[in-house]
Amino acid sequence: MSRLAEFRRLELQLAQQLAELEAMKSDGAIQAEMEFENKLRALLGEYGYSLREVINILDPQAGTRRQAPKVQEKTTRRPREVKVYKNPHSSEVVQTKGGNHAVLKAWKAEHGAETVESWRQ
């Protein structure tokens, strides 16, 4: 997008937002809320209270009602099952929970992975 096209797009957005702002300024509800806020802040200043102090006076339990964020429960992994392999040539038995066993790797290198998996009990 060229810089000029971007400028025109932003200028159009600004004009739309200014029109929305003017429409809100003429809205009676917004004017009433702004007037209330101004009077409230003046009253708070007159008596030397902050908004937080007024909330604590009106509702002392407001701060304690805030709920702590829920902690996600950690799901425990199920334990790995023990795999038992028996070499039919040497009758040697290997028990492992993973595939990183040295003897099992040697068998797979010598006889092939599919063959060794067929030895599983």
PDB file of N, CA and C in Angstrom:
ATOM      1  N   MET A   1       0.855  -1.165   0.000  1.00  0.00           N
ATOM      2  CA  MET A   1       0.000   0.000   0.000  1.00  0.00           C
ATOM      3  C   MET A   1       0.903   1.231   0.000  1.00  0.00           C
ATOM      4  N   SER A   2       0.587   2.183  -0.885  1.00  0.00           N
ATOM      5  CA  SER A   2       1.407   3.383  -0.975  1.00  0.00           C
ATOM      6  C   SER A   2       1.179   4.251   0.249  1.00  0.00           C
ATOM      7  N   ARG A   3       2.099   5.122   0.513  1.00  0.00           N
ATOM      8  CA  ARG A   3       2.007   6.009   1.676  1.00  0.00           C
ATOM      9  C   ARG A   3       0.803   6.938   1.539  1.00  0.00           C
ATOM     10  N   LEU A   4       0.530   7.380   0.321  1.00  0.00           N
ATOM     11  CA  LEU A   4      -0.597   8.268   0.105  1.00  0.00           C
ATOM     12  C   LEU A   4      -1.921   7.549   0.365  1.00  0.00           C
ATOM     13  N   ALA A   5      -2.032   6.310  -0.104  1.00  0.00           N
ATOM     14  CA  ALA A   5      -3.258   5.532   0.118  1.00  0.00           C
ATOM     15  C   ALA A   5      -3.456   5.266   1.608  1.00  0.00           C
ATOM     16  N   GLU A   6      -2.362   4.973   2.305  1.00  0.00           N
ATOM     17  CA  GLU A   6      -2.447   4.746   3.748  1.00  0.00           C
ATOM     18  C   GLU A   6      -2.871   6.028   4.464  1.00  0.00           C
ATOM     19  N   PHE A   7      -2.336   7.156   4.023  1.00  0.00           N
ATOM     20  CA  PHE A   7      -2.697   8.448   4.605  1.00  0.00           C
ATOM     21  C   PHE A   7      -4.183   8.716   4.420  1.00  0.00           C
ATOM     22  N   ARG A   8      -4.704   8.466   3.206  1.00  0.00           N
ATOM     23  CA  ARG A   8      -6.126   8.702   2.921  1.00  0.00           C
ATOM     24  C   ARG A   8      -7.010   7.783   3.778  1.00  0.00           C
ATOM     25  N   ARG A   9      -6.590   6.526   3.927  1.00  0.00           N
ATOM     26  CA  ARG A   9      -7.350   5.579   4.732  1.00  0.00           C
ATOM     27  C   ARG A   9      -7.395   6.034   6.192  1.00  0.00           C
ATOM     28  N   LEU A  10      -6.266   6.447   6.750  1.00  0.00           N
ATOM     29  CA  LEU A  10      -6.217   6.923   8.131  1.00  0.00           C
ATOM     30  C   LEU A  10      -7.015   8.213   8.306  1.00  0.00           C
ATOM     31  N   GLU A  11      -6.966   9.085   7.292  1.00  0.00           N
ATOM     32  CA  GLU A  11      -7.715  10.329   7.354  1.00  0.00           C
ATOM     33  C   GLU A  11      -9.227  10.044   7.390  1.00  0.00           C
ATOM     34  N   LEU A  12      -9.666   9.081   6.608  1.00  0.00           N
ATOM     35  CA  LEU A  12     -11.067   8.688   6.579  1.00  0.00           C
ATOM     36  C   LEU A  12     -11.491   8.093   7.924  1.00  0.00           C
ATOM     37  N   GLN A  13     -10.625   7.237   8.503  1.00  0.00           N
ATOM     38  CA  GLN A  13     -10.925   6.649   9.812  1.00  0.00           C
ATOM     39  C   GLN A  13     -11.038   7.729  10.877  1.00  0.00           C
ATOM     40  N   LEU A  14     -10.144   8.694  10.829  1.00  0.00           N
ATOM     41  CA  LEU A  14     -10.167   9.792  11.803  1.00  0.00           C
ATOM     42  C   LEU A  14     -11.465  10.595  11.683  1.00  0.00           C
ATOM     43  N   ALA A  15     -11.884  10.856  10.467  1.00  0.00           N
ATOM     44  CA  ALA A  15     -13.124  11.607  10.264  1.00  0.00           C
ATOM     45  C   ALA A  15     -14.321  10.831  10.813  1.00  0.00           C
ATOM     46  N   GLN A  16     -14.327   9.519  10.605  1.00  0.00           N
ATOM     47  CA  GLN A  16     -15.412   8.691  11.127  1.00  0.00           C
ATOM     48  C   GLN A  16     -15.416   8.700  12.657  1.00  0.00           C
ATOM     49  N   GLN A  17     -14.237   8.595  13.259  1.00  0.00           N
ATOM     50  CA  GLN A  17     -14.154   8.587  14.713  1.00  0.00           C
ATOM     51  C   GLN A  17     -14.555   9.946  15.293  1.00  0.00           C
ATOM     52  N   LEU A  18     -14.196  11.027  14.622  1.00  0.00           N
ATOM     53  CA  LEU A  18     -14.600  12.355  15.095  1.00  0.00           C
ATOM     54  C   LEU A  18     -16.118  12.519  15.024  1.00  0.00           C
ATOM     55  N   ALA A  19     -16.724  11.973  13.982  1.00  0.00           N
ATOM     56  CA  ALA A  19     -18.178  12.040  13.862  1.00  0.00           C
ATOM     57  C   ALA A  19     -18.840  11.247  14.989  1.00  0.00           C
ATOM     58  N   GLU A  20     -18.286  10.064  15.309  1.00  0.00           N
ATOM     59  CA  GLU A  20     -18.816   9.267  16.416  1.00  0.00           C
ATOM     60  C   GLU A  20     -18.670  10.009  17.737  1.00  0.00           C
ATOM     61  N   LEU A  21     -17.537  10.666  17.921  1.00  0.00           N
ATOM     62  CA  LEU A  21     -17.294  11.427  19.149  1.00  0.00           C
ATOM     63  C   LEU A  21     -18.301  12.561  19.303  1.00  0.00           C
ATOM     64  N   GLU A  22     -18.566  13.274  18.240  1.00  0.00           N
ATOM     65  CA  GLU A  22     -19.534  14.367  18.291  1.00  0.00           C
ATOM     66  C   GLU A  22     -20.940  13.844  18.589  1.00  0.00           C
ATOM     67  N   ALA A  23     -21.265  12.681  18.018  1.00  0.00           N
ATOM     68  CA  ALA A  23     -22.579  12.096  18.280  1.00  0.00           C
ATOM     69  C   ALA A  23     -22.702  11.693  19.747  1.00  0.00           C
ATOM     70  N   MET A  24     -21.622  11.180  20.332  1.00  0.00           N
ATOM     71  CA  MET A  24     -21.652  10.786  21.735  1.00  0.00           C
ATOM     72  C   MET A  24     -21.733  12.005  22.648  1.00  0.00           C
ATOM     73  N   LYS A  25     -21.073  13.098  22.258  1.00  0.00           N
ATOM     74  CA  LYS A  25     -21.097  14.306  23.086  1.00  0.00           C
ATOM     75  C   LYS A  25     -22.505  14.872  23.196  1.00  0.00           C
ATOM     76  N   SER A  26     -23.281  14.733  22.137  1.00  0.00           N
ATOM     77  CA  SER A  26     -24.639  15.282  22.150  1.00  0.00           C
ATOM     78  C   SER A  26     -25.640  14.337  22.804  1.00  0.00           C
ATOM     79  N   ASP A  27     -25.205  13.111  23.148  1.00  0.00           N
ATOM     80  CA  ASP A  27     -26.084  12.139  23.788  1.00  0.00           C
ATOM     81  C   ASP A  27     -26.315  12.545  25.240  1.00  0.00           C
ATOM     82  N   GLY A  28     -27.564  12.596  25.653  1.00  0.00           N
ATOM     83  CA  GLY A  28     -27.916  13.038  27.002  1.00  0.00           C
ATOM     84  C   GLY A  28     -27.405  12.102  28.083  1.00  0.00           C
ATOM     85  N   ALA A  29     -27.387  10.807  27.818  1.00  0.00           N
ATOM     86  CA  ALA A  29     -26.931   9.835  28.809  1.00  0.00           C
ATOM     87  C   ALA A  29     -25.447  10.026  29.111  1.00  0.00           C
ATOM     88  N   ILE A  30     -24.662  10.269  28.080  1.00  0.00           N
ATOM     89  CA  ILE A  30     -23.222  10.484  28.274  1.00  0.00           C
ATOM     90  C   ILE A  30     -23.004  11.757  29.080  1.00  0.00           C
ATOM     91  N   GLN A  31     -23.753  12.797  28.752  1.00  0.00           N
ATOM     92  CA  GLN A  31     -23.604  14.064  29.489  1.00  0.00           C
ATOM     93  C   GLN A  31     -23.960  13.880  30.959  1.00  0.00           C
ATOM     94  N   ALA A  32     -24.995  13.102  31.251  1.00  0.00           N
ATOM     95  CA  ALA A  32     -25.388  12.858  32.640  1.00  0.00           C
ATOM     96  C   ALA A  32     -24.297  12.077  33.379  1.00  0.00           C
ATOM     97  N   GLU A  33     -23.714  11.081  32.726  1.00  0.00           N
ATOM     98  CA  GLU A  33     -22.640  10.314  33.354  1.00  0.00           C
ATOM     99  C   GLU A  33     -21.414  11.183  33.606  1.00  0.00           C
ATOM    100  N   MET A  34     -21.069  12.034  32.644  1.00  0.00           N
ATOM    101  CA  MET A  34     -19.915  12.924  32.816  1.00  0.00           C
ATOM    102  C   MET A  34     -20.155  13.901  33.962  1.00  0.00           C
ATOM    103  N   GLU A  35     -21.356  14.417  34.057  1.00  0.00           N
ATOM    104  CA  GLU A  35     -21.692  15.340  35.140  1.00  0.00           C
ATOM    105  C   GLU A  35     -21.601  14.632  36.488  1.00  0.00           C
ATOM    106  N   PHE A  36     -22.128  13.416  36.562  1.00  0.00           N
ATOM    107  CA  PHE A  36     -22.067  12.630  37.797  1.00  0.00           C
ATOM    108  C   PHE A  36     -20.614  12.380  38.197  1.00  0.00           C
ATOM    109  N   GLU A  37     -19.791  11.988  37.234  1.00  0.00           N
ATOM    110  CA  GLU A  37     -18.380  11.718  37.523  1.00  0.00           C
ATOM    111  C   GLU A  37     -17.691  12.971  38.050  1.00  0.00           C
ATOM    112  N   ASN A  38     -17.933  14.101  37.421  1.00  0.00           N
ATOM    113  CA  ASN A  38     -17.305  15.353  37.865  1.00  0.00           C
ATOM    114  C   ASN A  38     -17.730  15.711  39.287  1.00  0.00           C
ATOM    115  N   LYS A  39     -19.035  15.593  39.572  1.00  0.00           N
ATOM    116  CA  LYS A  39     -19.522  15.901  40.914  1.00  0.00           C
ATOM    117  C   LYS A  39     -18.954  14.920  41.944  1.00  0.00           C
ATOM    118  N   LEU A  40     -18.873  13.651  41.585  1.00  0.00           N
ATOM    119  CA  LEU A  40     -18.332  12.643  42.493  1.00  0.00           C
ATOM    120  C   LEU A  40     -16.866  12.917  42.800  1.00  0.00           C
ATOM    121  N   ARG A  41     -16.087  13.212  41.782  1.00  0.00           N
ATOM    122  CA  ARG A  41     -14.661  13.506  42.002  1.00  0.00           C
ATOM    123  C   ARG A  41     -14.482  14.767  42.850  1.00  0.00           C
ATOM    124  N   ALA A  42     -15.335  15.772  42.630  1.00  0.00           N
ATOM    125  CA  ALA A  42     -15.267  16.989  43.444  1.00  0.00           C
ATOM    126  C   ALA A  42     -15.590  16.673  44.897  1.00  0.00           C
ATOM    127  N   LEU A  43     -16.595  15.849  45.137  1.00  0.00           N
ATOM    128  CA  LEU A  43     -16.982  15.462  46.488  1.00  0.00           C
ATOM    129  C   LEU A  43     -15.876  14.654  47.166  1.00  0.00           C
ATOM    130  N   LEU A  44     -15.273  13.738  46.414  1.00  0.00           N
ATOM    131  CA  LEU A  44     -14.157  12.960  46.959  1.00  0.00           C
ATOM    132  C   LEU A  44     -12.999  13.869  47.341  1.00  0.00           C
ATOM    133  N   GLY A  45     -12.706  14.835  46.488  1.00  0.00           N
ATOM    134  CA  GLY A  45     -11.638  15.782  46.781  1.00  0.00           C
ATOM    135  C   GLY A  45     -11.959  16.651  47.986  1.00  0.00           C
ATOM    136  N   GLU A  46     -13.212  17.035  48.108  1.00  0.00           N
ATOM    137  CA  GLU A  46     -13.631  17.892  49.223  1.00  0.00           C
ATOM    138  C   GLU A  46     -13.414  17.189  50.562  1.00  0.00           C
ATOM    139  N   TYR A  47     -13.706  15.895  50.635  1.00  0.00           N
ATOM    140  CA  TYR A  47     -13.577  15.153  51.886  1.00  0.00           C
ATOM    141  C   TYR A  47     -12.261  14.396  52.004  1.00  0.00           C
ATOM    142  N   GLY A  48     -11.437  14.424  50.954  1.00  0.00           N
ATOM    143  CA  GLY A  48     -10.124  13.802  51.022  1.00  0.00           C
ATOM    144  C   GLY A  48     -10.148  12.279  50.967  1.00  0.00           C
ATOM    145  N   TYR A  49     -11.103  11.736  50.295  1.00  0.00           N
ATOM    146  CA  TYR A  49     -11.191  10.288  50.146  1.00  0.00           C
ATOM    147  C   TYR A  49     -10.840   9.883  48.724  1.00  0.00           C
ATOM    148  N   SER A  50     -10.295   8.676  48.611  1.00  0.00           N
ATOM    149  CA  SER A  50     -10.056   8.127  47.281  1.00  0.00           C
ATOM    150  C   SER A  50     -11.230   7.221  46.918  1.00  0.00           C
ATOM    151  N   LEU A  51     -11.329   6.897  45.680  1.00  0.00           N
ATOM    152  CA  LEU A  51     -12.416   6.046  45.224  1.00  0.00           C
ATOM    153  C   LEU A  51     -12.332   4.670  45.886  1.00  0.00           C
ATOM    154  N   ARG A  52     -11.135   4.160  46.054  1.00  0.00           N
ATOM    155  CA  ARG A  52     -10.940   2.855  46.694  1.00  0.00           C
ATOM    156  C   ARG A  52     -11.423   2.867  48.143  1.00  0.00           C
ATOM    157  N   GLU A  53     -11.153   3.963  48.858  1.00  0.00           N
ATOM    158  CA  GLU A  53     -11.605   4.079  50.243  1.00  0.00           C
ATOM    159  C   GLU A  53     -13.129   4.105  50.327  1.00  0.00           C
ATOM    160  N   VAL A  54     -13.772   4.793  49.408  1.00  0.00           N
ATOM    161  CA  VAL A  54     -15.230   4.846  49.396  1.00  0.00           C
ATOM    162  C   VAL A  54     -15.805   3.461  49.111  1.00  0.00           C
ATOM    163  N   ILE A  55     -15.202   2.734  48.205  1.00  0.00           N
ATOM    164  CA  ILE A  55     -15.665   1.374  47.909  1.00  0.00           C
ATOM    165  C   ILE A  55     -15.519   0.499  49.148  1.00  0.00           C
ATOM    166  N   ASN A  56     -14.408   0.646  49.883  1.00  0.00           N
ATOM    167  CA  ASN A  56     -14.225  -0.139  51.107  1.00  0.00           C
ATOM    168  C   ASN A  56     -15.239   0.231  52.179  1.00  0.00           C
ATOM    169  N   ILE A  57     -15.632   1.494  52.233  1.00  0.00           N
ATOM    170  CA  ILE A  57     -16.645   1.916  53.202  1.00  0.00           C
ATOM    171  C   ILE A  57     -17.999   1.321  52.833  1.00  0.00           C
ATOM    172  N   LEU A  58     -18.363   1.398  51.558  1.00  0.00           N
ATOM    173  CA  LEU A  58     -19.668   0.917  51.111  1.00  0.00           C
ATOM    174  C   LEU A  58     -19.756  -0.611  51.075  1.00  0.00           C
ATOM    175  N   ASP A  59     -18.673  -1.258  50.690  1.00  0.00           N
ATOM    176  CA  ASP A  59     -18.669  -2.718  50.567  1.00  0.00           C
ATOM    177  C   ASP A  59     -17.324  -3.252  51.051  1.00  0.00           C
ATOM    178  N   PRO A  60     -17.184  -3.505  52.354  1.00  0.00           N
ATOM    179  CA  PRO A  60     -15.891  -3.924  52.904  1.00  0.00           C
ATOM    180  C   PRO A  60     -15.380  -5.249  52.351  1.00  0.00           C
ATOM    181  N   GLN A  61     -16.266  -6.087  51.862  1.00  0.00           N
ATOM    182  CA  GLN A  61     -15.842  -7.392  51.362  1.00  0.00           C
ATOM    183  C   GLN A  61     -15.571  -7.388  49.864  1.00  0.00           C
ATOM    184  N   ALA A  62     -15.557  -6.231  49.254  1.00  0.00           N
ATOM    185  CA  ALA A  62     -15.350  -6.162  47.797  1.00  0.00           C
ATOM    186  C   ALA A  62     -13.979  -6.709  47.418  1.00  0.00           C
ATOM    187  N   GLY A  63     -12.962  -6.433  48.215  1.00  0.00           N
ATOM    188  CA  GLY A  63     -11.621  -6.905  47.897  1.00  0.00           C
ATOM    189  C   GLY A  63     -11.438  -8.384  48.138  1.00  0.00           C
ATOM    190  N   THR A  64     -12.196  -8.942  49.094  1.00  0.00           N
ATOM    191  CA  THR A  64     -12.033 -10.359  49.389  1.00  0.00           C
ATOM    192  C   THR A  64     -12.856 -11.246  48.476  1.00  0.00           C
ATOM    193  N   ARG A  65     -13.780 -10.682  47.745  1.00  0.00           N
ATOM    194  CA  ARG A  65     -14.623 -11.478  46.866  1.00  0.00           C
ATOM    195  C   ARG A  65     -13.940 -11.842  45.561  1.00  0.00           C
ATOM    196  N   ARG A  66     -12.859 -11.174  45.280  1.00  0.00           N
ATOM    197  CA  ARG A  66     -12.164 -11.457  44.035  1.00  0.00           C
ATOM    198  C   ARG A  66     -11.667 -12.893  44.053  1.00  0.00           C
ATOM    199  N   GLN A  67     -12.045 -13.644  43.068  1.00  0.00           N
ATOM    200  CA  GLN A  67     -11.660 -15.046  43.038  1.00  0.00           C
ATOM    201  C   GLN A  67     -10.286 -15.189  42.419  1.00  0.00           C
ATOM    202  N   ALA A  68      -9.513 -16.055  43.032  1.00  0.00           N
ATOM    203  CA  ALA A  68      -8.181 -16.341  42.492  1.00  0.00           C
ATOM    204  C   ALA A  68      -8.356 -17.114  41.190  1.00  0.00           C
ATOM    205  N   PRO A  69      -7.456 -16.913  40.267  1.00  0.00           N
ATOM    206  CA  PRO A  69      -7.568 -17.662  39.016  1.00  0.00           C
ATOM    207  C   PRO A  69      -7.430 -19.160  39.289  1.00  0.00           C
ATOM    208  N   LYS A  70      -8.238 -19.916  38.608  1.00  0.00           N
ATOM    209  CA  LYS A  70      -8.221 -21.354  38.819  1.00  0.00           C
ATOM    210  C   LYS A  70      -6.927 -21.940  38.269  1.00  0.00           C
ATOM    211  N   VAL A  71      -6.315 -22.767  39.098  1.00  0.00           N
ATOM    212  CA  VAL A  71      -5.070 -23.413  38.701  1.00  0.00           C
ATOM    213  C   VAL A  71      -5.422 -24.683  37.941  1.00  0.00           C
ATOM    214  N   GLN A  72      -4.825 -24.813  36.797  1.00  0.00           N
ATOM    215  CA  GLN A  72      -5.065 -25.982  35.970  1.00  0.00           C
ATOM    216  C   GLN A  72      -4.453 -27.199  36.658  1.00  0.00           C
ATOM    217  N   GLU A  73      -5.261 -28.225  36.855  1.00  0.00           N
ATOM    218  CA  GLU A  73      -4.740 -29.434  37.469  1.00  0.00           C
ATOM    219  C   GLU A  73      -3.791 -30.108  36.506  1.00  0.00           C
ATOM    220  N   LYS A  74      -2.646 -30.506  37.050  1.00  0.00           N
ATOM    221  CA  LYS A  74      -1.692 -31.210  36.198  1.00  0.00           C
ATOM    222  C   LYS A  74      -2.149 -32.655  36.070  1.00  0.00           C
ATOM    223  N   THR A  75      -2.258 -33.077  34.851  1.00  0.00           N
ATOM    224  CA  THR A  75      -2.650 -34.462  34.628  1.00  0.00           C
ATOM    225  C   THR A  75      -1.397 -35.318  34.707  1.00  0.00           C
ATOM    226  N   THR A  76      -1.507 -36.378  35.460  1.00  0.00           N
ATOM    227  CA  THR A  76      -0.353 -37.262  35.587  1.00  0.00           C
ATOM    228  C   THR A  76      -0.372 -38.242  34.435  1.00  0.00           C
ATOM    229  N   ARG A  77       0.794 -38.473  33.931  1.00  0.00           N
ATOM    230  CA  ARG A  77       0.908 -39.428  32.841  1.00  0.00           C
ATOM    231  C   ARG A  77       0.807 -40.829  33.407  1.00  0.00           C
ATOM    232  N   ARG A  78       0.168 -41.675  32.672  1.00  0.00           N
ATOM    233  CA  ARG A  78       0.114 -43.058  33.144  1.00  0.00           C
ATOM    234  C   ARG A  78       1.496 -43.671  32.979  1.00  0.00           C
ATOM    235  N   PRO A  79       1.878 -44.529  33.882  1.00  0.00           N
ATOM    236  CA  PRO A  79       3.220 -45.108  33.799  1.00  0.00           C
ATOM    237  C   PRO A  79       3.346 -45.978  32.557  1.00  0.00           C
ATOM    238  N   ARG A  80       4.546 -45.989  32.026  1.00  0.00           N
ATOM    239  CA  ARG A  80       4.785 -46.808  30.843  1.00  0.00           C
ATOM    240  C   ARG A  80       4.713 -48.285  31.219  1.00  0.00           C
ATOM    241  N   GLU A  81       4.202 -49.059  30.299  1.00  0.00           N
ATOM    242  CA  GLU A  81       4.109 -50.489  30.559  1.00  0.00           C
ATOM    243  C   GLU A  81       5.455 -51.148  30.277  1.00  0.00           C
ATOM    244  N   VAL A  82       5.742 -52.192  31.013  1.00  0.00           N
ATOM    245  CA  VAL A  82       6.991 -52.931  30.842  1.00  0.00           C
ATOM    246  C   VAL A  82       6.833 -53.845  29.632  1.00  0.00           C
ATOM    247  N   LYS A  83       7.769 -53.720  28.708  1.00  0.00           N
ATOM    248  CA  LYS A  83       7.758 -54.576  27.526  1.00  0.00           C
ATOM    249  C   LYS A  83       8.817 -55.660  27.728  1.00  0.00           C
ATOM    250  N   VAL A  84       8.446 -56.865  27.424  1.00  0.00           N
ATOM    251  CA  VAL A  84       9.351 -57.999  27.605  1.00  0.00           C
ATOM    252  C   VAL A  84       9.634 -58.596  26.231  1.00  0.00           C
ATOM    253  N   TYR A  85      10.906 -58.709  25.906  1.00  0.00           N
ATOM    254  CA  TYR A  85      11.349 -59.302  24.644  1.00  0.00           C
ATOM    255  C   TYR A  85      12.174 -60.534  24.957  1.00  0.00           C
ATOM    256  N   LYS A  86      11.955 -61.614  24.203  1.00  0.00           N
ATOM    257  CA  LYS A  86      12.739 -62.833  24.392  1.00  0.00           C
ATOM    258  C   LYS A  86      13.365 -63.220  23.064  1.00  0.00           C
ATOM    259  N   ASN A  87      14.682 -63.246  23.059  1.00  0.00           N
ATOM    260  CA  ASN A  87      15.428 -63.605  21.859  1.00  0.00           C
ATOM    261  C   ASN A  87      15.324 -65.117  21.669  1.00  0.00           C
ATOM    262  N   PRO A  88      14.727 -65.587  20.552  1.00  0.00           N
ATOM    263  CA  PRO A  88      14.569 -67.034  20.359  1.00  0.00           C
ATOM    264  C   PRO A  88      15.891 -67.742  20.085  1.00  0.00           C
ATOM    265  N   HIS A  89      16.926 -67.001  19.668  1.00  0.00           N
ATOM    266  CA  HIS A  89      18.207 -67.614  19.340  1.00  0.00           C
ATOM    267  C   HIS A  89      19.013 -67.884  20.600  1.00  0.00           C
ATOM    268  N   SER A  90      19.009 -66.948  21.544  1.00  0.00           N
ATOM    269  CA  SER A  90      19.834 -67.106  22.745  1.00  0.00           C
ATOM    270  C   SER A  90      18.996 -67.281  24.008  1.00  0.00           C
ATOM    271  N   SER A  91      17.684 -67.220  23.891  1.00  0.00           N
ATOM    272  CA  SER A  91      16.741 -67.309  25.018  1.00  0.00           C
ATOM    273  C   SER A  91      16.975 -66.207  26.051  1.00  0.00           C
ATOM    274  N   GLU A  92      17.634 -65.140  25.642  1.00  0.00           N
ATOM    275  CA  GLU A  92      17.873 -63.998  26.535  1.00  0.00           C
ATOM    276  C   GLU A  92      16.593 -63.162  26.625  1.00  0.00           C
ATOM    277  N   VAL A  93      16.255 -62.690  27.838  1.00  0.00           N
ATOM    278  CA  VAL A  93      15.041 -61.912  28.068  1.00  0.00           C
ATOM    279  C   VAL A  93      15.449 -60.493  28.442  1.00  0.00           C
ATOM    280  N   VAL A  94      14.788 -59.523  27.812  1.00  0.00           N
ATOM    281  CA  VAL A  94      15.031 -58.110  28.118  1.00  0.00           C
ATOM    282  C   VAL A  94      13.704 -57.487  28.527  1.00  0.00           C
ATOM    283  N   GLN A  95      13.715 -56.780  29.670  1.00  0.00           N
ATOM    284  CA  GLN A  95      12.534 -56.041  30.124  1.00  0.00           C
ATOM    285  C   GLN A  95      12.864 -54.559  30.065  1.00  0.00           C
ATOM    286  N   THR A  96      12.003 -53.777  29.409  1.00  0.00           N
ATOM    287  CA  THR A  96      12.254 -52.347  29.266  1.00  0.00           C
ATOM    288  C   THR A  96      10.939 -51.580  29.240  1.00  0.00           C
ATOM    289  N   LYS A  97      11.007 -50.338  29.674  1.00  0.00           N
ATOM    290  CA  LYS A  97       9.838 -49.462  29.598  1.00  0.00           C
ATOM    291  C   LYS A  97       9.948 -48.521  28.406  1.00  0.00           C
ATOM    292  N   GLY A  98      11.094 -48.415  27.818  1.00  0.00           N
ATOM    293  CA  GLY A  98      11.296 -47.534  26.676  1.00  0.00           C
ATOM    294  C   GLY A  98      12.063 -48.260  25.592  1.00  0.00           C
ATOM    295  N   GLY A  99      12.305 -47.590  24.505  1.00  0.00           N
ATOM    296  CA  GLY A  99      13.013 -48.211  23.394  1.00  0.00           C
ATOM    297  C   GLY A  99      14.480 -47.880  23.365  1.00  0.00           C
ATOM    298  N   ASN A 100      15.025 -47.351  24.460  1.00  0.00           N
ATOM    299  CA  ASN A 100      16.410 -46.906  24.481  1.00  0.00           C
ATOM    300  C   ASN A 100      17.306 -47.904  25.208  1.00  0.00           C
ATOM    301  N   HIS A 101      16.952 -49.164  25.179  1.00  0.00           N
ATOM    302  CA  HIS A 101      17.714 -50.203  25.868  1.00  0.00           C
ATOM    303  C   HIS A 101      18.856 -50.655  24.962  1.00  0.00           C
ATOM    304  N   ALA A 102      20.062 -50.776  25.521  1.00  0.00           N
ATOM    305  CA  ALA A 102      21.254 -51.075  24.719  1.00  0.00           C
ATOM    306  C   ALA A 102      21.155 -52.437  24.044  1.00  0.00           C
ATOM    307  N   VAL A 103      20.750 -53.466  24.774  1.00  0.00           N
ATOM    308  CA  VAL A 103      20.650 -54.816  24.198  1.00  0.00           C
ATOM    309  C   VAL A 103      19.573 -54.840  23.123  1.00  0.00           C
ATOM    310  N   LEU A 104      18.445 -54.165  23.394  1.00  0.00           N
ATOM    311  CA  LEU A 104      17.355 -54.106  22.427  1.00  0.00           C
ATOM    312  C   LEU A 104      17.804 -53.416  21.141  1.00  0.00           C
ATOM    313  N   LYS A 105      18.584 -52.365  21.284  1.00  0.00           N
ATOM    314  CA  LYS A 105      19.116 -51.668  20.098  1.00  0.00           C
ATOM    315  C   LYS A 105      20.058 -52.574  19.310  1.00  0.00           C
ATOM    316  N   ALA A 106      20.862 -53.310  20.021  1.00  0.00           N
ATOM    317  CA  ALA A 106      21.797 -54.220  19.340  1.00  0.00           C
ATOM    318  C   ALA A 106      21.035 -55.300  18.580  1.00  0.00           C
ATOM    319  N   TRP A 107      19.985 -55.850  19.190  1.00  0.00           N
ATOM    320  CA  TRP A 107      19.166 -56.847  18.510  1.00  0.00           C
ATOM    321  C   TRP A 107      18.524 -56.269  17.261  1.00  0.00           C
ATOM    322  N   LYS A 108      18.003 -55.032  17.382  1.00  0.00           N
ATOM    323  CA  LYS A 108      17.351 -54.396  16.229  1.00  0.00           C
ATOM    324  C   LYS A 108      18.344 -54.133  15.110  1.00  0.00           C
ATOM    325  N   ALA A 109      19.582 -53.773  15.462  1.00  0.00           N
ATOM    326  CA  ALA A 109      20.610 -53.540  14.448  1.00  0.00           C
ATOM    327  C   ALA A 109      20.992 -54.854  13.768  1.00  0.00           C
ATOM    328  N   GLU A 110      21.017 -55.933  14.538  1.00  0.00           N
ATOM    329  CA  GLU A 110      21.448 -57.232  14.000  1.00  0.00           C
ATOM    330  C   GLU A 110      20.338 -57.946  13.226  1.00  0.00           C
ATOM    331  N   HIS A 111      19.117 -57.950  13.785  1.00  0.00           N
ATOM    332  CA  HIS A 111      18.037 -58.744  13.206  1.00  0.00           C
ATOM    333  C   HIS A 111      16.961 -57.922  12.505  1.00  0.00           C
ATOM    334  N   GLY A 112      16.924 -56.615  12.741  1.00  0.00           N
ATOM    335  CA  GLY A 112      15.898 -55.761  12.148  1.00  0.00           C
ATOM    336  C   GLY A 112      14.803 -55.457  13.165  1.00  0.00           C
ATOM    337  N   ALA A 113      14.247 -54.262  13.070  1.00  0.00           N
ATOM    338  CA  ALA A 113      13.275 -53.788  14.070  1.00  0.00           C
ATOM    339  C   ALA A 113      11.994 -54.595  14.046  1.00  0.00           C
ATOM    340  N   GLU A 114      11.514 -54.968  12.871  1.00  0.00           N
ATOM    341  CA  GLU A 114      10.268 -55.727  12.794  1.00  0.00           C
ATOM    342  C   GLU A 114      10.422 -57.116  13.404  1.00  0.00           C
ATOM    343  N   THR A 115      11.555 -57.733  13.171  1.00  0.00           N
ATOM    344  CA  THR A 115      11.795 -59.043  13.714  1.00  0.00           C
ATOM    345  C   THR A 115      11.851 -59.011  15.232  1.00  0.00           C
ATOM    346  N   VAL A 116      12.572 -58.018  15.767  1.00  0.00           N
ATOM    347  CA  VAL A 116      12.697 -57.895  17.213  1.00  0.00           C
ATOM    348  C   VAL A 116      11.339 -57.599  17.844  1.00  0.00           C
ATOM    349  N   GLU A 117      10.507 -56.760  17.196  1.00  0.00           N
ATOM    350  CA  GLU A 117       9.181 -56.483  17.723  1.00  0.00           C
ATOM    351  C   GLU A 117       8.306 -57.746  17.745  1.00  0.00           C
ATOM    352  N   SER A 118       8.562 -58.670  16.863  1.00  0.00           N
ATOM    353  CA  SER A 118       7.794 -59.922  16.873  1.00  0.00           C
ATOM    354  C   SER A 118       8.201 -60.806  18.056  1.00  0.00           C
ATOM    355  N   TRP A 119       9.341 -60.527  18.675  1.00  0.00           N
ATOM    356  CA  TRP A 119       9.785 -61.274  19.844  1.00  0.00           C
ATOM    357  C   TRP A 119       9.139 -60.799  21.140  1.00  0.00           C
ATOM    358  N   ARG A 120       8.341 -59.771  21.047  1.00  0.00           N
ATOM    359  CA  ARG A 120       7.731 -59.191  22.245  1.00  0.00           C
ATOM    360  C   ARG A 120       6.731 -60.192  22.836  1.00  0.00           C
ATOM    361  N   GLN A 121       6.802 -60.341  24.135  1.00  0.00           N
ATOM    362  CA  GLN A 121       5.952 -61.304  24.850  1.00  0.00           C
ATOM    363  C   GLN A 121       4.633 -60.686  25.203  1.00  0.00           C
TER     364      GLN A 121
END
